[in-house]
Amino acid sequence: MGNVEKRVQSIFFQAILWAMKKKTIKLNPLQRRTLALFQLLARSPESATLNEATGEITVAYLPEVHGNHVHIGKFTLSAQEASGFANEAVWGALARKGMIISGFPFQATLTRAGLDYDTGYGDQFELSDH
């Protein structure tokens, strides 16, 4: 392969990388937080089921708010932080953006994109004291 071909190939790959970066999926704060909570639920065998063929995980148990908080695994969150679970528009936006397959309000299937999306929350939620 000559220098010209290598240069054209390099420019081509740079254009592809630029296009991929340009297509980064943007979520608003409520959508991002709700996706992070779905990701937490997806880690729990009590609330989620893995489809081994597709790698998608269906969350079929959504925690109930009691008082002013909700428990998700080892975490306690305010009811406000979990408000996206009751918001059909949030589920719809996550579905349109390819993060989930919505079964609002009963279940959500996290796609590979939804499972891999970095919400920025990680384990920033408060550990439960009860």
Protein backbone atom coordinates (compact mmCIF):
# COMPACT_ATOMS: atom_id res chain seq x y z
CA MET A 1 0.00 0.00 0.00
CA GLY A 2 1.45 3.33 -1.05
CA ASN A 3 1.61 6.56 0.94
CA VAL A 4 -1.40 8.02 -0.84
CA GLU A 5 -3.55 4.98 -0.05
CA LYS A 6 -2.42 5.03 3.58
CA ARG A 7 -3.26 8.73 3.84
CA VAL A 8 -6.72 8.20 2.30
CA GLN A 9 -7.35 5.26 4.66
CA SER A 10 -6.24 7.36 7.65
CA ILE A 11 -8.55 10.24 6.66
CA PHE A 12 -11.41 7.76 6.15
CA PHE A 13 -10.98 6.26 9.63
CA GLN A 14 -10.70 9.71 11.21
CA ALA A 15 -13.98 10.69 9.54
CA ILE A 16 -15.66 7.55 10.89
CA LEU A 17 -14.39 8.22 14.42
CA TRP A 18 -15.56 11.84 14.21
CA ALA A 19 -19.02 10.72 13.06
CA MET A 20 -19.23 8.20 15.91
CA LYS A 21 -18.32 10.87 18.45
CA LYS A 22 -20.86 13.21 16.90
CA LYS A 23 -23.61 10.61 17.37
CA THR A 24 -23.12 10.33 21.13
CA ILE A 25 -26.51 9.77 22.67
CA LYS A 26 -27.48 12.61 24.95
CA LEU A 27 -29.80 12.10 27.89
CA ASN A 28 -31.25 14.79 30.13
CA PRO A 29 -30.57 14.46 33.90
CA LEU A 30 -33.83 12.64 34.68
CA GLN A 31 -33.36 10.20 31.80
CA ARG A 32 -29.73 9.60 32.79
CA ARG A 33 -30.62 9.00 36.46
CA THR A 34 -33.50 6.68 35.54
CA LEU A 35 -31.23 4.68 33.23
CA ALA A 36 -28.65 4.44 36.04
CA LEU A 37 -31.36 3.03 38.33
CA PHE A 38 -32.43 0.53 35.66
CA GLN A 39 -28.77 -0.50 35.39
CA LEU A 40 -28.66 -1.06 39.16
CA LEU A 41 -31.80 -3.19 38.99
CA ALA A 42 -30.35 -5.13 36.05
CA ARG A 43 -27.51 -6.34 38.30
CA SER A 44 -29.92 -8.02 40.69
CA PRO A 45 -31.18 -11.56 39.99
CA GLU A 46 -34.26 -10.77 42.11
CA SER A 47 -35.42 -8.07 39.72
CA ALA A 48 -33.86 -8.94 36.36
CA THR A 49 -33.54 -11.70 33.78
CA LEU A 50 -30.72 -12.02 31.24
CA ASN A 51 -31.51 -12.99 27.66
CA GLU A 52 -28.34 -14.94 26.86
CA ALA A 53 -28.97 -14.82 23.10
CA THR A 54 -29.11 -11.02 22.90
CA GLY A 55 -27.30 -9.90 26.06
CA GLU A 56 -30.31 -7.76 26.97
CA ILE A 57 -31.62 -7.73 30.52
CA THR A 58 -35.29 -7.40 31.39
CA VAL A 59 -36.11 -5.65 34.65
CA ALA A 60 -39.50 -7.00 35.68
CA TYR A 61 -39.54 -5.79 39.27
CA LEU A 62 -39.66 -2.08 39.97
CA PRO A 63 -39.35 -1.10 43.63
CA GLU A 64 -42.23 0.64 45.35
CA VAL A 65 -41.74 3.99 47.02
CA HIS A 66 -42.49 3.87 50.72
CA GLY A 67 -42.54 7.08 52.69
CA ASN A 68 -40.14 9.47 51.03
CA HIS A 69 -37.66 6.89 49.76
CA VAL A 70 -37.14 3.71 47.77
CA HIS A 71 -34.67 0.84 48.10
CA ILE A 72 -32.75 -0.45 45.12
CA GLY A 73 -30.37 -3.22 46.08
CA LYS A 74 -28.05 -1.91 48.76
CA PHE A 75 -28.99 1.70 48.05
CA THR A 76 -31.62 4.06 49.45
CA LEU A 77 -32.83 6.86 47.21
CA SER A 78 -35.28 9.65 47.70
CA ALA A 79 -38.62 9.18 45.99
CA GLN A 80 -37.74 12.18 43.84
CA GLU A 81 -34.56 10.47 42.56
CA ALA A 82 -36.67 7.50 41.44
CA SER A 83 -39.44 9.60 39.89
CA GLY A 84 -38.47 8.51 36.37
CA PHE A 85 -39.91 5.05 37.07
CA ALA A 86 -43.41 6.57 37.07
CA ASN A 87 -42.81 8.91 34.11
CA GLU A 88 -43.94 7.46 30.79
CA ALA A 89 -42.19 10.25 28.86
CA VAL A 90 -38.84 9.25 30.37
CA TRP A 91 -39.39 5.62 29.38
CA GLY A 92 -40.40 6.74 25.89
CA ALA A 93 -37.28 8.87 25.48
CA LEU A 94 -35.04 6.03 26.66
CA ALA A 95 -36.77 3.71 24.18
CA ARG A 96 -36.43 6.18 21.28
CA LYS A 97 -32.73 6.55 22.05
CA GLY A 98 -32.25 2.78 22.02
CA MET A 99 -31.49 2.40 25.73
CA ILE A 100 -34.52 0.28 26.68
CA ILE A 101 -37.45 -1.58 25.22
CA SER A 102 -40.33 -0.13 27.18
CA GLY A 103 -43.05 -2.15 28.81
CA PHE A 104 -44.23 0.87 30.80
CA PRO A 105 -45.11 0.77 33.64
CA PHE A 106 -44.34 -2.88 34.38
CA GLN A 107 -40.97 -3.76 32.88
CA ALA A 108 -38.08 -2.43 30.88
CA THR A 109 -35.58 -4.40 28.83
CA LEU A 110 -32.17 -2.80 28.80
CA THR A 111 -30.51 -3.08 25.41
CA ARG A 112 -26.75 -3.53 25.06
CA ALA A 113 -26.54 0.23 24.48
CA GLY A 114 -28.49 0.87 27.68
CA LEU A 115 -26.35 -1.52 29.69
CA ASP A 116 -23.10 -0.04 28.35
CA TYR A 117 -24.09 3.63 28.60
CA ASP A 118 -21.99 5.54 31.15
CA THR A 119 -24.53 7.59 33.09
CA GLY A 120 -21.87 9.17 35.26
CA TYR A 121 -23.60 7.95 38.41
CA GLY A 122 -21.69 4.73 38.97
CA ASP A 123 -22.21 3.90 42.65
CA GLN A 124 -22.86 7.49 43.75
CA PHE A 125 -26.13 6.55 45.41
CA GLU A 126 -26.44 6.45 49.19
CA LEU A 127 -26.00 3.07 50.88
CA SER A 128 -29.05 1.86 52.79
CA ASP A 129 -28.94 1.99 56.58
CA HIS A 130 -31.91 -0.40 56.96
